[in-house]
Amino acid sequence: MGTISESSTVVVTKDQVSCDLSGEAAILNLKSGVYFGLNTVGASIWKLIQEPKTVKEIRDAILEEYNVEPDRCEHDIFEILQEFSTHGLIEIVDEKNK
C-alpha cells in the first residue's frame, strides 16, 4: 500500500459489494466479511471511485457538490481514502507507477 497523493488514481477493488441507502452507502468486504457504512459525503466519494479517478478529480467534484473549505475537503478525502485502502476496499495507483 503506497502513499496517497493528489496525482494518485484510486478505484474500488473487486473484493467488495456495495449498495446505495437513500444517499448513504453500505459496503461489505467479501474477503474479511467486514461491513462499512458511509454518510452522504463518503457515499459521494464511493460513487465517484467506481471508475478510476485521481484524488484531484475526487476533490474537485466534492468541492463542486458541497460547501466545504478546500483544505478541509482535501484532508477528509485523504483520510477516507486511507481508511478504504487499509481495509482493502480500493486500489491506489501512483502516477509514477502507471
PDB file of N, CA and C in Angstrom:
ATOM      1  N   MET A   1       0.855  -1.184   0.000  1.00  0.00           N
ATOM      2  CA  MET A   1       0.000   0.000   0.000  1.00  0.00           C
ATOM      3  C   MET A   1       0.888   1.230   0.000  1.00  0.00           C
ATOM      4  N   GLY A   2       0.740   2.052  -1.035  1.00  0.00           N
ATOM      5  CA  GLY A   2       1.567   3.241  -1.147  1.00  0.00           C
ATOM      6  C   GLY A   2       0.925   4.445  -0.493  1.00  0.00           C
ATOM      7  N   THR A   3       1.666   5.529  -0.549  1.00  0.00           N
ATOM      8  CA  THR A   3       1.167   6.791  -0.038  1.00  0.00           C
ATOM      9  C   THR A   3       0.190   7.373  -1.058  1.00  0.00           C
ATOM     10  N   ILE A   4      -0.851   7.986  -0.568  1.00  0.00           N
ATOM     11  CA  ILE A   4      -1.830   8.600  -1.444  1.00  0.00           C
ATOM     12  C   ILE A   4      -1.428  10.053  -1.672  1.00  0.00           C
ATOM     13  N   SER A   5      -1.379  10.457  -2.939  1.00  0.00           N
ATOM     14  CA  SER A   5      -1.076  11.848  -3.269  1.00  0.00           C
ATOM     15  C   SER A   5      -2.172  12.379  -4.185  1.00  0.00           C
ATOM     16  N   GLU A   6      -2.110  13.665  -4.472  1.00  0.00           N
ATOM     17  CA  GLU A   6      -3.112  14.293  -5.333  1.00  0.00           C
ATOM     18  C   GLU A   6      -3.168  13.641  -6.705  1.00  0.00           C
ATOM     19  N   SER A   7      -2.023  13.136  -7.169  1.00  0.00           N
ATOM     20  CA  SER A   7      -1.975  12.535  -8.505  1.00  0.00           C
ATOM     21  C   SER A   7      -2.256  11.032  -8.499  1.00  0.00           C
ATOM     22  N   SER A   8      -2.439  10.437  -7.308  1.00  0.00           N
ATOM     23  CA  SER A   8      -2.763   9.014  -7.235  1.00  0.00           C
ATOM     24  C   SER A   8      -4.130   8.759  -7.868  1.00  0.00           C
ATOM     25  N   THR A   9      -4.250   7.618  -8.526  1.00  0.00           N
ATOM     26  CA  THR A   9      -5.529   7.195  -9.074  1.00  0.00           C
ATOM     27  C   THR A   9      -6.082   6.108  -8.166  1.00  0.00           C
ATOM     28  N   VAL A  10      -7.362   6.219  -7.822  1.00  0.00           N
ATOM     29  CA  VAL A  10      -7.982   5.227  -6.948  1.00  0.00           C
ATOM     30  C   VAL A  10      -9.204   4.631  -7.632  1.00  0.00           C
ATOM     31  N   VAL A  11      -9.462   3.368  -7.323  1.00  0.00           N
ATOM     32  CA  VAL A  11     -10.645   2.677  -7.822  1.00  0.00           C
ATOM     33  C   VAL A  11     -10.991   1.574  -6.823  1.00  0.00           C
ATOM     34  N   VAL A  12     -12.274   1.239  -6.742  1.00  0.00           N
ATOM     35  CA  VAL A  12     -12.694   0.192  -5.814  1.00  0.00           C
ATOM     36  C   VAL A  12     -12.146  -1.162  -6.259  1.00  0.00           C
ATOM     37  N   THR A  13     -11.926  -2.043  -5.297  1.00  0.00           N
ATOM     38  CA  THR A  13     -11.459  -3.397  -5.605  1.00  0.00           C
ATOM     39  C   THR A  13     -12.653  -4.259  -6.008  1.00  0.00           C
ATOM     40  N   LYS A  14     -12.348  -5.429  -6.508  1.00  0.00           N
ATOM     41  CA  LYS A  14     -13.403  -6.375  -6.898  1.00  0.00           C
ATOM     42  C   LYS A  14     -13.908  -7.181  -5.702  1.00  0.00           C
ATOM     43  N   ASP A  15     -13.180  -7.102  -4.572  1.00  0.00           N
ATOM     44  CA  ASP A  15     -13.490  -7.925  -3.398  1.00  0.00           C
ATOM     45  C   ASP A  15     -14.499  -7.273  -2.456  1.00  0.00           C
ATOM     46  N   GLN A  16     -15.464  -6.558  -3.021  1.00  0.00           N
ATOM     47  CA  GLN A  16     -16.456  -5.897  -2.190  1.00  0.00           C
ATOM     48  C   GLN A  16     -17.768  -5.800  -2.951  1.00  0.00           C
ATOM     49  N   VAL A  17     -18.834  -5.615  -2.215  1.00  0.00           N
ATOM     50  CA  VAL A  17     -20.130  -5.276  -2.790  1.00  0.00           C
ATOM     51  C   VAL A  17     -20.652  -4.080  -2.013  1.00  0.00           C
ATOM     52  N   SER A  18     -21.392  -3.236  -2.686  1.00  0.00           N
ATOM     53  CA  SER A  18     -21.926  -2.060  -2.012  1.00  0.00           C
ATOM     54  C   SER A  18     -23.318  -1.757  -2.537  1.00  0.00           C
ATOM     55  N   CYS A  19     -24.055  -0.965  -1.752  1.00  0.00           N
ATOM     56  CA  CYS A  19     -25.372  -0.535  -2.191  1.00  0.00           C
ATOM     57  C   CYS A  19     -25.655   0.855  -1.663  1.00  0.00           C
ATOM     58  N   ASP A  20     -26.512   1.556  -2.387  1.00  0.00           N
ATOM     59  CA  ASP A  20     -26.943   2.891  -2.008  1.00  0.00           C
ATOM     60  C   ASP A  20     -28.103   2.762  -1.027  1.00  0.00           C
ATOM     61  N   LEU A  21     -28.028   3.549   0.043  1.00  0.00           N
ATOM     62  CA  LEU A  21     -29.095   3.540   1.051  1.00  0.00           C
ATOM     63  C   LEU A  21     -29.640   4.959   1.198  1.00  0.00           C
ATOM     64  N   SER A  22     -30.438   5.390   0.245  1.00  0.00           N
ATOM     65  CA  SER A  22     -31.021   6.738   0.257  1.00  0.00           C
ATOM     66  C   SER A  22     -29.960   7.818   0.431  1.00  0.00           C
ATOM     67  N   GLY A  23     -28.931   7.762  -0.374  1.00  0.00           N
ATOM     68  CA  GLY A  23     -27.876   8.766  -0.330  1.00  0.00           C
ATOM     69  C   GLY A  23     -26.675   8.376   0.510  1.00  0.00           C
ATOM     70  N   GLU A  24     -26.845   7.410   1.397  1.00  0.00           N
ATOM     71  CA  GLU A  24     -25.725   6.871   2.150  1.00  0.00           C
ATOM     72  C   GLU A  24     -25.334   5.555   1.474  1.00  0.00           C
ATOM     73  N   ALA A  25     -24.314   4.869   1.997  1.00  0.00           N
ATOM     74  CA  ALA A  25     -23.894   3.629   1.339  1.00  0.00           C
ATOM     75  C   ALA A  25     -23.481   2.590   2.368  1.00  0.00           C
ATOM     76  N   ALA A  26     -23.629   1.339   1.990  1.00  0.00           N
ATOM     77  CA  ALA A  26     -23.150   0.210   2.787  1.00  0.00           C
ATOM     78  C   ALA A  26     -22.207  -0.595   1.900  1.00  0.00           C
ATOM     79  N   ILE A  27     -21.077  -0.996   2.477  1.00  0.00           N
ATOM     80  CA  ILE A  27     -20.064  -1.759   1.742  1.00  0.00           C
ATOM     81  C   ILE A  27     -19.747  -3.009   2.547  1.00  0.00           C
ATOM     82  N   LEU A  28     -19.630  -4.129   1.865  1.00  0.00           N
ATOM     83  CA  LEU A  28     -19.217  -5.375   2.506  1.00  0.00           C
ATOM     84  C   LEU A  28     -17.932  -5.840   1.844  1.00  0.00           C
ATOM     85  N   ASN A  29     -16.863  -5.969   2.639  1.00  0.00           N
ATOM     86  CA  ASN A  29     -15.602  -6.514   2.145  1.00  0.00           C
ATOM     87  C   ASN A  29     -15.781  -8.027   2.108  1.00  0.00           C
ATOM     88  N   LEU A  30     -15.739  -8.601   0.918  1.00  0.00           N
ATOM     89  CA  LEU A  30     -16.015 -10.032   0.757  1.00  0.00           C
ATOM     90  C   LEU A  30     -14.910 -10.913   1.325  1.00  0.00           C
ATOM     91  N   LYS A  31     -13.674 -10.414   1.366  1.00  0.00           N
ATOM     92  CA  LYS A  31     -12.570 -11.210   1.917  1.00  0.00           C
ATOM     93  C   LYS A  31     -12.636 -11.283   3.438  1.00  0.00           C
ATOM     94  N   SER A  32     -12.868 -10.127   4.075  1.00  0.00           N
ATOM     95  CA  SER A  32     -12.834 -10.090   5.536  1.00  0.00           C
ATOM     96  C   SER A  32     -14.208 -10.261   6.174  1.00  0.00           C
ATOM     97  N   GLY A  33     -15.273 -10.040   5.393  1.00  0.00           N
ATOM     98  CA  GLY A  33     -16.621 -10.118   5.951  1.00  0.00           C
ATOM     99  C   GLY A  33     -16.992  -8.890   6.768  1.00  0.00           C
ATOM    100  N   VAL A  34     -16.172  -7.836   6.688  1.00  0.00           N
ATOM    101  CA  VAL A  34     -16.429  -6.621   7.463  1.00  0.00           C
ATOM    102  C   VAL A  34     -17.332  -5.686   6.659  1.00  0.00           C
ATOM    103  N   TYR A  35     -18.299  -5.119   7.363  1.00  0.00           N
ATOM    104  CA  TYR A  35     -19.284  -4.206   6.778  1.00  0.00           C
ATOM    105  C   TYR A  35     -18.900  -2.773   7.129  1.00  0.00           C
ATOM    106  N   PHE A  36     -19.085  -1.855   6.191  1.00  0.00           N
ATOM    107  CA  PHE A  36     -18.798  -0.440   6.413  1.00  0.00           C
ATOM    108  C   PHE A  36     -20.021   0.382   6.018  1.00  0.00           C
ATOM    109  N   GLY A  37     -20.320   1.403   6.794  1.00  0.00           N
ATOM    110  CA  GLY A  37     -21.398   2.332   6.463  1.00  0.00           C
ATOM    111  C   GLY A  37     -20.815   3.702   6.174  1.00  0.00           C
ATOM    112  N   LEU A  38     -21.342   4.377   5.151  1.00  0.00           N
ATOM    113  CA  LEU A  38     -20.850   5.695   4.772  1.00  0.00           C
ATOM    114  C   LEU A  38     -21.968   6.715   4.820  1.00  0.00           C
ATOM    115  N   ASN A  39     -21.624   7.927   5.302  1.00  0.00           N
ATOM    116  CA  ASN A  39     -22.584   9.031   5.268  1.00  0.00           C
ATOM    117  C   ASN A  39     -22.685   9.554   3.834  1.00  0.00           C
ATOM    118  N   THR A  40     -23.426  10.624   3.627  1.00  0.00           N
ATOM    119  CA  THR A  40     -23.662  11.099   2.265  1.00  0.00           C
ATOM    120  C   THR A  40     -22.387  11.543   1.551  1.00  0.00           C
ATOM    121  N   VAL A  41     -21.474  12.201   2.255  1.00  0.00           N
ATOM    122  CA  VAL A  41     -20.228  12.636   1.617  1.00  0.00           C
ATOM    123  C   VAL A  41     -19.367  11.421   1.284  1.00  0.00           C
ATOM    124  N   GLY A  42     -19.241  10.493   2.227  1.00  0.00           N
ATOM    125  CA  GLY A  42     -18.493   9.264   1.970  1.00  0.00           C
ATOM    126  C   GLY A  42     -19.097   8.484   0.813  1.00  0.00           C
ATOM    127  N   ALA A  43     -20.423   8.454   0.751  1.00  0.00           N
ATOM    128  CA  ALA A  43     -21.108   7.759  -0.337  1.00  0.00           C
ATOM    129  C   ALA A  43     -20.842   8.446  -1.677  1.00  0.00           C
ATOM    130  N   SER A  44     -20.748   9.773  -1.665  1.00  0.00           N
ATOM    131  CA  SER A  44     -20.427  10.508  -2.899  1.00  0.00           C
ATOM    132  C   SER A  44     -19.032  10.144  -3.391  1.00  0.00           C
ATOM    133  N   ILE A  45     -18.079  10.062  -2.468  1.00  0.00           N
ATOM    134  CA  ILE A  45     -16.714   9.671  -2.827  1.00  0.00           C
ATOM    135  C   ILE A  45     -16.723   8.243  -3.361  1.00  0.00           C
ATOM    136  N   TRP A  46     -17.435   7.355  -2.686  1.00  0.00           N
ATOM    137  CA  TRP A  46     -17.512   5.950  -3.102  1.00  0.00           C
ATOM    138  C   TRP A  46     -18.077   5.845  -4.521  1.00  0.00           C
ATOM    139  N   LYS A  47     -19.137   6.600  -4.795  1.00  0.00           N
ATOM    140  CA  LYS A  47     -19.747   6.573  -6.123  1.00  0.00           C
ATOM    141  C   LYS A  47     -18.748   7.065  -7.181  1.00  0.00           C
ATOM    142  N   LEU A  48     -17.988   8.110  -6.855  1.00  0.00           N
ATOM    143  CA  LEU A  48     -17.004   8.653  -7.799  1.00  0.00           C
ATOM    144  C   LEU A  48     -15.936   7.630  -8.178  1.00  0.00           C
ATOM    145  N   ILE A  49     -15.518   6.810  -7.218  1.00  0.00           N
ATOM    146  CA  ILE A  49     -14.389   5.909  -7.474  1.00  0.00           C
ATOM    147  C   ILE A  49     -14.807   4.532  -7.994  1.00  0.00           C
ATOM    148  N   GLN A  50     -16.048   4.414  -8.441  1.00  0.00           N
ATOM    149  CA  GLN A  50     -16.454   3.174  -9.103  1.00  0.00           C
ATOM    150  C   GLN A  50     -15.696   3.020 -10.426  1.00  0.00           C
ATOM    151  N   GLU A  51     -15.268   4.147 -10.971  1.00  0.00           N
ATOM    152  CA  GLU A  51     -14.380   4.196 -12.126  1.00  0.00           C
ATOM    153  C   GLU A  51     -13.098   4.880 -11.652  1.00  0.00           C
ATOM    154  N   PRO A  52     -11.947   4.525 -12.211  1.00  0.00           N
ATOM    155  CA  PRO A  52     -10.689   5.143 -11.743  1.00  0.00           C
ATOM    156  C   PRO A  52     -10.737   6.664 -11.806  1.00  0.00           C
ATOM    157  N   LYS A  53     -10.354   7.293 -10.694  1.00  0.00           N
ATOM    158  CA  LYS A  53     -10.308   8.753 -10.592  1.00  0.00           C
ATOM    159  C   LYS A  53      -9.048   9.139  -9.838  1.00  0.00           C
ATOM    160  N   THR A  54      -8.488  10.309 -10.186  1.00  0.00           N
ATOM    161  CA  THR A  54      -7.372  10.828  -9.392  1.00  0.00           C
ATOM    162  C   THR A  54      -7.950  11.486  -8.146  1.00  0.00           C
ATOM    163  N   VAL A  55      -7.106  11.629  -7.143  1.00  0.00           N
ATOM    164  CA  VAL A  55      -7.531  12.304  -5.915  1.00  0.00           C
ATOM    165  C   VAL A  55      -7.958  13.734  -6.248  1.00  0.00           C
ATOM    166  N   LYS A  56      -7.258  14.377  -7.162  1.00  0.00           N
ATOM    167  CA  LYS A  56      -7.605  15.747  -7.572  1.00  0.00           C
ATOM    168  C   LYS A  56      -9.010  15.780  -8.178  1.00  0.00           C
ATOM    169  N   GLU A  57      -9.349  14.809  -9.018  1.00  0.00           N
ATOM    170  CA  GLU A  57     -10.694  14.760  -9.611  1.00  0.00           C
ATOM    171  C   GLU A  57     -11.757  14.559  -8.532  1.00  0.00           C
ATOM    172  N   ILE A  58     -11.458  13.723  -7.561  1.00  0.00           N
ATOM    173  CA  ILE A  58     -12.398  13.485  -6.456  1.00  0.00           C
ATOM    174  C   ILE A  58     -12.595  14.777  -5.670  1.00  0.00           C
ATOM    175  N   ARG A  59     -11.474  15.427  -5.317  1.00  0.00           N
ATOM    176  CA  ARG A  59     -11.540  16.682  -4.553  1.00  0.00           C
ATOM    177  C   ARG A  59     -12.358  17.725  -5.302  1.00  0.00           C
ATOM    178  N   ASP A  60     -12.085  17.901  -6.582  1.00  0.00           N
ATOM    179  CA  ASP A  60     -12.798  18.912  -7.367  1.00  0.00           C
ATOM    180  C   ASP A  60     -14.299  18.632  -7.414  1.00  0.00           C
ATOM    181  N   ALA A  61     -14.670  17.370  -7.560  1.00  0.00           N
ATOM    182  CA  ALA A  61     -16.094  17.001  -7.609  1.00  0.00           C
ATOM    183  C   ALA A  61     -16.776  17.259  -6.263  1.00  0.00           C
ATOM    184  N   ILE A  62     -16.107  16.943  -5.173  1.00  0.00           N
ATOM    185  CA  ILE A  62     -16.689  17.164  -3.838  1.00  0.00           C
ATOM    186  C   ILE A  62     -16.806  18.662  -3.548  1.00  0.00           C
ATOM    187  N   LEU A  63     -15.794  19.434  -3.935  1.00  0.00           N
ATOM    188  CA  LEU A  63     -15.858  20.889  -3.738  1.00  0.00           C
ATOM    189  C   LEU A  63     -17.016  21.502  -4.515  1.00  0.00           C
ATOM    190  N   GLU A  64     -17.294  20.937  -5.686  1.00  0.00           N
ATOM    191  CA  GLU A  64     -18.395  21.433  -6.501  1.00  0.00           C
ATOM    192  C   GLU A  64     -19.749  21.074  -5.894  1.00  0.00           C
ATOM    193  N   GLU A  65     -19.821  19.911  -5.270  1.00  0.00           N
ATOM    194  CA  GLU A  65     -21.097  19.412  -4.742  1.00  0.00           C
ATOM    195  C   GLU A  65     -21.421  19.924  -3.334  1.00  0.00           C
ATOM    196  N   TYR A  66     -20.393  20.147  -2.513  1.00  0.00           N
ATOM    197  CA  TYR A  66     -20.609  20.506  -1.108  1.00  0.00           C
ATOM    198  C   TYR A  66     -19.949  21.835  -0.777  1.00  0.00           C
ATOM    199  N   ASN A  67     -20.518  22.547   0.169  1.00  0.00           N
ATOM    200  CA  ASN A  67     -19.959  23.806   0.649  1.00  0.00           C
ATOM    201  C   ASN A  67     -18.954  23.482   1.754  1.00  0.00           C
ATOM    202  N   VAL A  68     -17.680  23.338   1.366  1.00  0.00           N
ATOM    203  CA  VAL A  68     -16.634  22.949   2.308  1.00  0.00           C
ATOM    204  C   VAL A  68     -15.353  23.683   1.943  1.00  0.00           C
ATOM    205  N   GLU A  69     -14.550  24.001   2.954  1.00  0.00           N
ATOM    206  CA  GLU A  69     -13.255  24.638   2.716  1.00  0.00           C
ATOM    207  C   GLU A  69     -12.345  23.675   1.958  1.00  0.00           C
ATOM    208  N   PRO A  70     -11.623  24.148   0.936  1.00  0.00           N
ATOM    209  CA  PRO A  70     -10.754  23.258   0.148  1.00  0.00           C
ATOM    210  C   PRO A  70      -9.747  22.454   0.982  1.00  0.00           C
ATOM    211  N   ASP A  71      -9.102  23.083   1.978  1.00  0.00           N
ATOM    212  CA  ASP A  71      -8.129  22.358   2.801  1.00  0.00           C
ATOM    213  C   ASP A  71      -8.798  21.255   3.605  1.00  0.00           C
ATOM    214  N   ARG A  72      -9.958  21.557   4.171  1.00  0.00           N
ATOM    215  CA  ARG A  72     -10.707  20.571   4.951  1.00  0.00           C
ATOM    216  C   ARG A  72     -11.157  19.420   4.052  1.00  0.00           C
ATOM    217  N   CYS A  73     -11.631  19.774   2.867  1.00  0.00           N
ATOM    218  CA  CYS A  73     -12.087  18.775   1.904  1.00  0.00           C
ATOM    219  C   CYS A  73     -10.955  17.814   1.556  1.00  0.00           C
ATOM    220  N   GLU A  74      -9.796  18.373   1.218  1.00  0.00           N
ATOM    221  CA  GLU A  74      -8.657  17.540   0.831  1.00  0.00           C
ATOM    222  C   GLU A  74      -8.225  16.637   1.983  1.00  0.00           C
ATOM    223  N   HIS A  75      -8.148  17.190   3.186  1.00  0.00           N
ATOM    224  CA  HIS A  75      -7.763  16.400   4.361  1.00  0.00           C
ATOM    225  C   HIS A  75      -8.731  15.235   4.571  1.00  0.00           C
ATOM    226  N   ASP A  76     -10.029  15.516   4.507  1.00  0.00           N
ATOM    227  CA  ASP A  76     -11.037  14.478   4.736  1.00  0.00           C
ATOM    228  C   ASP A  76     -11.003  13.404   3.643  1.00  0.00           C
ATOM    229  N   ILE A  77     -10.759  13.818   2.395  1.00  0.00           N
ATOM    230  CA  ILE A  77     -10.675  12.849   1.299  1.00  0.00           C
ATOM    231  C   ILE A  77      -9.476  11.927   1.507  1.00  0.00           C
ATOM    232  N   PHE A  78      -8.315  12.504   1.841  1.00  0.00           N
ATOM    233  CA  PHE A  78      -7.138  11.666   2.093  1.00  0.00           C
ATOM    234  C   PHE A  78      -7.416  10.692   3.235  1.00  0.00           C
ATOM    235  N   GLU A  79      -8.091  11.163   4.263  1.00  0.00           N
ATOM    236  CA  GLU A  79      -8.392  10.321   5.424  1.00  0.00           C
ATOM    237  C   GLU A  79      -9.298   9.146   5.041  1.00  0.00           C
ATOM    238  N   ILE A  80     -10.371   9.412   4.312  1.00  0.00           N
ATOM    239  CA  ILE A  80     -11.292   8.328   3.965  1.00  0.00           C
ATOM    240  C   ILE A  80     -10.654   7.372   2.956  1.00  0.00           C
ATOM    241  N   LEU A  81      -9.861   7.899   2.019  1.00  0.00           N
ATOM    242  CA  LEU A  81      -9.194   7.015   1.062  1.00  0.00           C
ATOM    243  C   LEU A  81      -8.180   6.123   1.762  1.00  0.00           C
ATOM    244  N   GLN A  82      -7.485   6.668   2.761  1.00  0.00           N
ATOM    245  CA  GLN A  82      -6.535   5.855   3.523  1.00  0.00           C
ATOM    246  C   GLN A  82      -7.280   4.748   4.265  1.00  0.00           C
ATOM    247  N   GLU A  83      -8.423   5.086   4.817  1.00  0.00           N
ATOM    248  CA  GLU A  83      -9.257   4.095   5.513  1.00  0.00           C
ATOM    249  C   GLU A  83      -9.723   3.004   4.536  1.00  0.00           C
ATOM    250  N   PHE A  84     -10.209   3.415   3.372  1.00  0.00           N
ATOM    251  CA  PHE A  84     -10.619   2.450   2.356  1.00  0.00           C
ATOM    252  C   PHE A  84      -9.455   1.533   1.988  1.00  0.00           C
ATOM    253  N   SER A  85      -8.274   2.128   1.809  1.00  0.00           N
ATOM    254  CA  SER A  85      -7.087   1.364   1.423  1.00  0.00           C
ATOM    255  C   SER A  85      -6.693   0.372   2.515  1.00  0.00           C
ATOM    256  N   THR A  86      -6.687   0.830   3.753  1.00  0.00           N
ATOM    257  CA  THR A  86      -6.330  -0.017   4.890  1.00  0.00           C
ATOM    258  C   THR A  86      -7.230  -1.247   4.962  1.00  0.00           C
ATOM    259  N   HIS A  87      -8.492  -1.072   4.615  1.00  0.00           N
ATOM    260  CA  HIS A  87      -9.459  -2.170   4.705  1.00  0.00           C
ATOM    261  C   HIS A  87      -9.636  -2.916   3.381  1.00  0.00           C
ATOM    262  N   GLY A  88      -8.760  -2.655   2.408  1.00  0.00           N
ATOM    263  CA  GLY A  88      -8.772  -3.408   1.161  1.00  0.00           C
ATOM    264  C   GLY A  88      -9.943  -3.115   0.241  1.00  0.00           C
ATOM    265  N   LEU A  89     -10.531  -1.921   0.374  1.00  0.00           N
ATOM    266  CA  LEU A  89     -11.691  -1.582  -0.440  1.00  0.00           C
ATOM    267  C   LEU A  89     -11.329  -0.868  -1.736  1.00  0.00           C
ATOM    268  N   ILE A  90     -10.107  -0.305  -1.800  1.00  0.00           N
ATOM    269  CA  ILE A  90      -9.677   0.390  -3.013  1.00  0.00           C
ATOM    270  C   ILE A  90      -8.272  -0.033  -3.406  1.00  0.00           C
ATOM    271  N   GLU A  91      -7.959   0.215  -4.665  1.00  0.00           N
ATOM    272  CA  GLU A  91      -6.603   0.065  -5.172  1.00  0.00           C
ATOM    273  C   GLU A  91      -6.090   1.467  -5.466  1.00  0.00           C
ATOM    274  N   ILE A  92      -4.819   1.711  -5.155  1.00  0.00           N
ATOM    275  CA  ILE A  92      -4.191   3.005  -5.387  1.00  0.00           C
ATOM    276  C   ILE A  92      -3.060   2.823  -6.387  1.00  0.00           C
ATOM    277  N   VAL A  93      -3.093   3.629  -7.442  1.00  0.00           N
ATOM    278  CA  VAL A  93      -2.042   3.596  -8.439  1.00  0.00           C
ATOM    279  C   VAL A  93      -1.358   4.957  -8.410  1.00  0.00           C
ATOM    280  N   ASP A  94      -0.094   4.974  -8.030  1.00  0.00           N
ATOM    281  CA  ASP A  94       0.657   6.228  -8.021  1.00  0.00           C
ATOM    282  C   ASP A  94       1.003   6.613  -9.442  1.00  0.00           C
ATOM    283  N   GLU A  95       1.013   7.892  -9.727  1.00  0.00           N
ATOM    284  CA  GLU A  95       1.295   8.397 -11.081  1.00  0.00           C
ATOM    285  C   GLU A  95       2.574   7.793 -11.645  1.00  0.00           C
ATOM    286  N   LYS A  96       3.603   7.722 -10.834  1.00  0.00           N
ATOM    287  CA  LYS A  96       4.893   7.222 -11.325  1.00  0.00           C
ATOM    288  C   LYS A  96       4.892   5.715 -11.574  1.00  0.00           C
ATOM    289  N   ASN A  97       3.890   4.993 -11.056  1.00  0.00           N
ATOM    290  CA  ASN A  97       3.814   3.539 -11.242  1.00  0.00           C
ATOM    291  C   ASN A  97       2.918   3.133 -12.409  1.00  0.00           C
ATOM    292  N   LYS A  98       2.379   4.097 -13.123  1.00  0.00           N
ATOM    293  CA  LYS A  98       1.483   3.783 -14.253  1.00  0.00           C
ATOM    294  C   LYS A  98       2.267   3.300 -15.434  1.00  0.00           C
TER     295      LYS A  98
END
